[in-house]
Protein backbone atom coordinates (compact mmCIF):
# COMPACT_ATOMS: atom_id res chain seq x y z
CA MET A 1 0.02 -0.24 -0.04
CA ALA A 2 1.61 3.56 -1.00
CA TRP A 3 1.79 5.51 2.54
CA PRO A 4 -0.71 8.29 1.98
CA ARG A 5 0.58 12.02 1.60
CA ARG A 6 -1.71 14.46 4.06
CA ARG A 7 -1.33 18.27 4.74
CA HIS A 8 -0.38 19.05 8.20
CA GLY A 9 0.78 20.36 11.20
CA THR A 10 3.55 19.79 13.90
CA LEU A 11 3.34 17.04 16.20
CA GLN A 12 3.64 19.23 19.32
CA PRO A 13 4.51 17.50 23.00
CA LEU A 14 1.79 18.44 25.33
CA ALA A 15 3.39 15.99 28.53
CA ASP A 16 6.14 13.81 29.41
CA ASN A 17 4.77 11.34 27.30
CA LEU A 18 1.88 13.02 25.31
CA TRP A 19 2.27 14.76 21.94
CA LEU A 20 -0.51 15.53 19.30
CA VAL A 21 -0.31 16.90 16.24
CA GLU A 22 -3.30 18.40 13.66
CA ALA A 23 -3.90 18.16 10.04
CA PRO A 24 -6.75 19.24 8.02
CA VAL A 25 -9.41 16.26 6.89
CA PRO A 26 -9.73 15.03 3.25
CA GLY A 27 -11.77 16.51 1.31
CA LEU A 28 -13.40 18.79 4.38
CA LEU A 29 -11.05 21.35 4.66
CA ALA A 30 -13.01 23.68 7.25
CA TYR A 31 -12.65 20.92 9.70
CA ARG A 32 -9.28 19.74 11.27
CA ARG A 33 -8.97 16.01 12.87
CA GLN A 34 -5.67 15.37 15.52
CA MET A 35 -3.73 12.14 16.44
CA VAL A 36 -2.39 11.78 19.86
CA VAL A 37 0.82 10.05 20.29
CA VAL A 38 1.24 8.19 24.12
CA ARG A 39 4.20 7.30 25.43
CA ASP A 40 4.73 4.04 27.74
CA ALA A 41 7.65 3.43 30.39
CA GLN A 42 8.50 0.50 28.30
CA ARG A 43 8.80 3.57 25.55
CA ARG A 44 5.48 1.77 23.63
CA LEU A 45 2.94 4.66 21.72
CA LEU A 46 0.01 4.36 21.43
CA LEU A 47 -1.66 5.95 19.16
CA HIS A 48 -4.84 7.80 18.97
CA SER A 49 -6.69 8.70 15.82
CA VAL A 50 -3.71 7.91 13.00
CA ILE A 51 -2.93 10.23 10.72
CA ALA A 52 -0.27 9.76 7.58
CA LEU A 53 2.18 11.89 7.84
CA ASP A 54 5.40 13.04 5.77
CA ASP A 55 8.76 11.73 5.94
CA PRO A 56 10.06 13.83 8.65
CA GLY A 57 7.04 13.66 10.54
CA MET A 58 7.10 9.33 10.48
CA ALA A 59 11.23 10.08 11.57
CA GLN A 60 10.51 12.13 14.66
CA LEU A 61 6.99 9.68 15.57
CA GLU A 62 9.73 7.11 15.20
CA ALA A 63 11.52 8.35 17.80
CA LEU A 64 9.82 8.75 20.36
CA GLY A 65 9.10 4.79 20.52
CA THR A 66 7.51 1.41 19.08
CA PRO A 67 4.55 1.89 17.81
CA THR A 68 2.21 -0.67 19.81
CA TRP A 69 -1.22 -0.17 19.87
CA LEU A 70 -3.37 1.85 17.33
CA VAL A 71 -6.89 2.92 18.70
CA VAL A 72 -9.46 3.38 15.82
CA PRO A 73 -11.87 5.41 18.72
CA ASN A 74 -15.08 5.16 15.78
CA GLY A 75 -16.32 3.50 13.37
CA TYR A 76 -15.91 6.83 11.53
CA HIS A 77 -12.37 8.31 12.13
CA ARG A 78 -10.49 5.16 10.23
CA LEU A 79 -8.66 7.33 7.61
CA ASP A 80 -5.29 6.69 7.83
CA ALA A 81 -5.12 3.13 10.04
CA PRO A 82 -4.73 1.05 6.93
CA ALA A 83 -1.60 2.27 5.92
CA TYR A 84 -0.43 2.07 9.66
CA LYS A 85 -1.33 -1.50 10.04
CA ASP A 86 0.44 -2.24 6.60
CA ARG A 87 3.70 -0.46 7.98
CA TYR A 88 3.90 -1.80 11.45
CA PRO A 89 2.33 -5.37 10.81
CA SER A 90 2.74 -6.25 14.70
CA ILE A 91 1.03 -3.37 15.72
CA SER A 92 -2.60 -3.97 17.54
CA VAL A 93 -5.96 -2.48 16.16
CA VAL A 94 -7.67 -1.54 18.95
CA ALA A 95 -12.00 -0.49 18.83
CA PRO A 96 -15.09 0.26 20.99
CA ARG A 97 -17.05 -3.32 21.13
CA GLY A 98 -19.77 -1.35 19.11
CA ALA A 99 -17.96 -0.74 16.46
CA VAL A 100 -15.34 -3.34 15.44
CA ALA A 101 -17.76 -4.34 12.87
CA ARG A 102 -17.72 -0.80 10.90
CA VAL A 103 -13.74 -0.22 11.70
CA GLN A 104 -12.81 -3.64 9.98
CA ARG A 105 -14.57 -3.09 6.60
CA ALA A 106 -10.67 -1.11 6.50
CA VAL A 107 -9.00 -2.75 9.01
CA ARG A 108 -8.10 -6.06 11.42
CA VAL A 109 -9.19 -5.23 15.05
CA ASP A 110 -7.46 -7.01 17.49
CA MET A 111 -8.85 -6.08 20.53
CA THR A 112 -11.42 -3.64 22.36
CA TYR A 113 -11.71 -1.11 24.85
CA GLU A 114 -11.83 -3.82 27.65
CA GLU A 115 -9.30 -6.12 26.46
CA PHE A 116 -6.58 -3.81 26.20
CA PRO A 117 -4.34 -4.38 28.55
CA ALA A 118 -4.12 -1.65 31.27
CA GLY A 119 -0.81 -0.18 32.67
CA ALA A 120 0.37 2.41 35.20
CA CYS A 121 -0.17 5.14 33.05
CA LEU A 122 -2.77 3.99 29.93
CA GLN A 123 -6.22 2.81 30.63
CA LEU A 124 -8.75 3.07 28.28
CA VAL A 125 -11.82 2.52 28.81
CA ALA A 126 -15.94 2.29 27.09
CA ALA A 127 -18.59 4.51 26.92
CA PRO A 128 -21.93 3.34 30.21
CA TRP A 129 -23.88 1.47 27.64
CA LYS A 130 -24.65 -1.48 26.07
CA ASP A 131 -21.97 -2.01 23.21
CA ALA A 132 -20.58 1.10 22.88
CA ALA A 133 -19.36 2.42 20.19
CA GLU A 134 -17.04 5.53 22.05
CA GLY A 135 -14.67 5.18 24.76
CA VAL A 136 -12.44 7.49 26.84
CA VAL A 137 -8.59 6.66 26.69
CA SER A 138 -7.18 7.90 29.95
CA VAL A 139 -3.47 8.61 30.41
CA GLN A 140 -1.38 9.35 33.41
CA SER A 141 1.86 11.81 32.85
CA ALA A 142 3.68 13.37 35.29
CA ASP A 143 1.73 16.78 35.71
CA GLY A 144 -2.05 14.78 36.14
CA VAL A 145 -4.45 13.11 34.35
CA SER A 146 -5.56 13.47 30.58
CA LEU A 147 -8.38 11.88 28.98
CA LEU A 148 -8.55 11.23 25.25
CA PHE A 149 -12.01 10.13 23.12
CA ASN A 150 -12.95 11.15 20.10
CA ASP A 151 -17.01 12.07 19.25
CA LEU A 152 -17.98 11.22 21.93
CA LEU A 153 -19.87 13.96 23.32
CA TRP A 154 -21.02 15.18 19.84
CA THR A 155 -24.99 15.72 19.93
CA PRO A 156 -25.89 16.34 16.77
CA ALA A 157 -29.37 18.83 16.09
CA ALA A 158 -32.15 16.79 17.60
CA PRO A 159 -35.44 16.87 16.19
CA ALA A 160 -38.21 19.16 17.68
CA GLY A 161 -39.27 18.71 20.99
CA PRO A 162 -38.12 17.24 24.58
CA ALA A 163 -38.99 14.32 23.91
CA ALA A 164 -37.02 13.40 21.05
CA CYS A 165 -33.45 14.59 22.66
CA SER A 166 -33.99 13.02 25.31
CA GLY A 167 -32.12 9.89 24.92
CA CYS A 168 -28.86 11.69 23.09
CA CYS A 169 -28.84 14.33 26.60
CA ASP A 170 -29.19 10.97 28.75
CA ARG A 171 -26.28 9.66 27.23
CA SER A 172 -24.25 12.84 27.30
CA ARG A 173 -25.47 13.74 30.86
CA ARG A 174 -23.66 9.59 31.10
CA CYS A 175 -20.58 10.80 29.18
CA ARG A 176 -19.74 13.61 31.93
CA GLY A 177 -19.87 11.22 34.35
CA LEU A 178 -17.82 8.32 33.39
CA LEU A 179 -15.34 11.26 32.50
CA ALA A 180 -15.84 13.60 35.38
CA GLU A 181 -15.15 10.00 37.40
CA ARG A 182 -11.51 8.47 35.31
CA SER A 183 -9.98 12.19 35.84
CA ARG A 184 -11.37 12.85 39.77
CA GLY A 185 -13.93 15.07 39.15
CA VAL A 186 -10.61 17.61 37.68
CA TRP A 187 -10.54 18.84 34.07
CA ARG A 188 -7.74 20.44 32.98
CA GLY A 189 -7.98 23.60 31.94
CA GLY A 190 -11.75 23.04 32.51
CA SER A 191 -11.78 21.64 29.07
CA SER A 192 -11.18 18.05 27.72
CA TYR A 193 -9.36 15.62 25.36
CA GLY A 194 -11.44 15.78 22.03
CA GLY A 195 -8.40 13.86 20.34
CA GLY A 196 -8.80 12.77 17.19
CA SER A 197 -12.36 14.62 16.35
CA CYS A 198 -12.35 16.22 13.00
CA ASN A 199 -14.74 19.41 15.25
CA SER A 200 -13.54 19.60 18.17
CA PRO A 201 -9.48 20.89 19.13
CA ILE A 202 -8.03 20.16 21.93
CA ARG A 203 -7.10 22.63 24.76
CA ARG A 204 -5.04 21.16 27.83
CA GLY A 205 -4.28 23.53 31.24
CA SER A 206 -2.78 23.43 34.62
CA ARG A 207 -3.45 20.57 37.22
CA VAL A 208 -6.39 22.26 39.72
């Protein structure tokens, strides 16, 4: 498979074990997407919502450690996942249980969030409903906990009437509860990560 050539920014450090790169969505240049790179104590890399980088960008990424896990955070953010799997055949593809069928239209899934081998600095948690197609990656850094997610809190425009949106509102409340629990009620800088989302930027602040 030919390596895609994508426009993208530079790989920016966010913490001692956390990096971010942003790029336009191909064909939808008004929208942005982000890849987050996490490194554990064994210098293994988790790549969340991957973006194909140019040669210098990939060299910079590979200098950080060994690409070990590729997280496809839902069934739609999978554009560059096949290229990464082709470049790194031993990388393990991880997806939420409810997104596996759609993700596997593009790349084979090796494990779900529930099956991920959680460590001291890295945990994957599915959203709190049956067969959830989204989830949260919790990252422990030297200065605090970061939460990475995709479209988990995105809510589309609902039909008119309070009853019509009750399901969406209920899920949003449950998601916020999950995020508050994982971060022990502390949001970094008062805002959450939207890692990989094409419609919400990532912000990061100091630990409270």
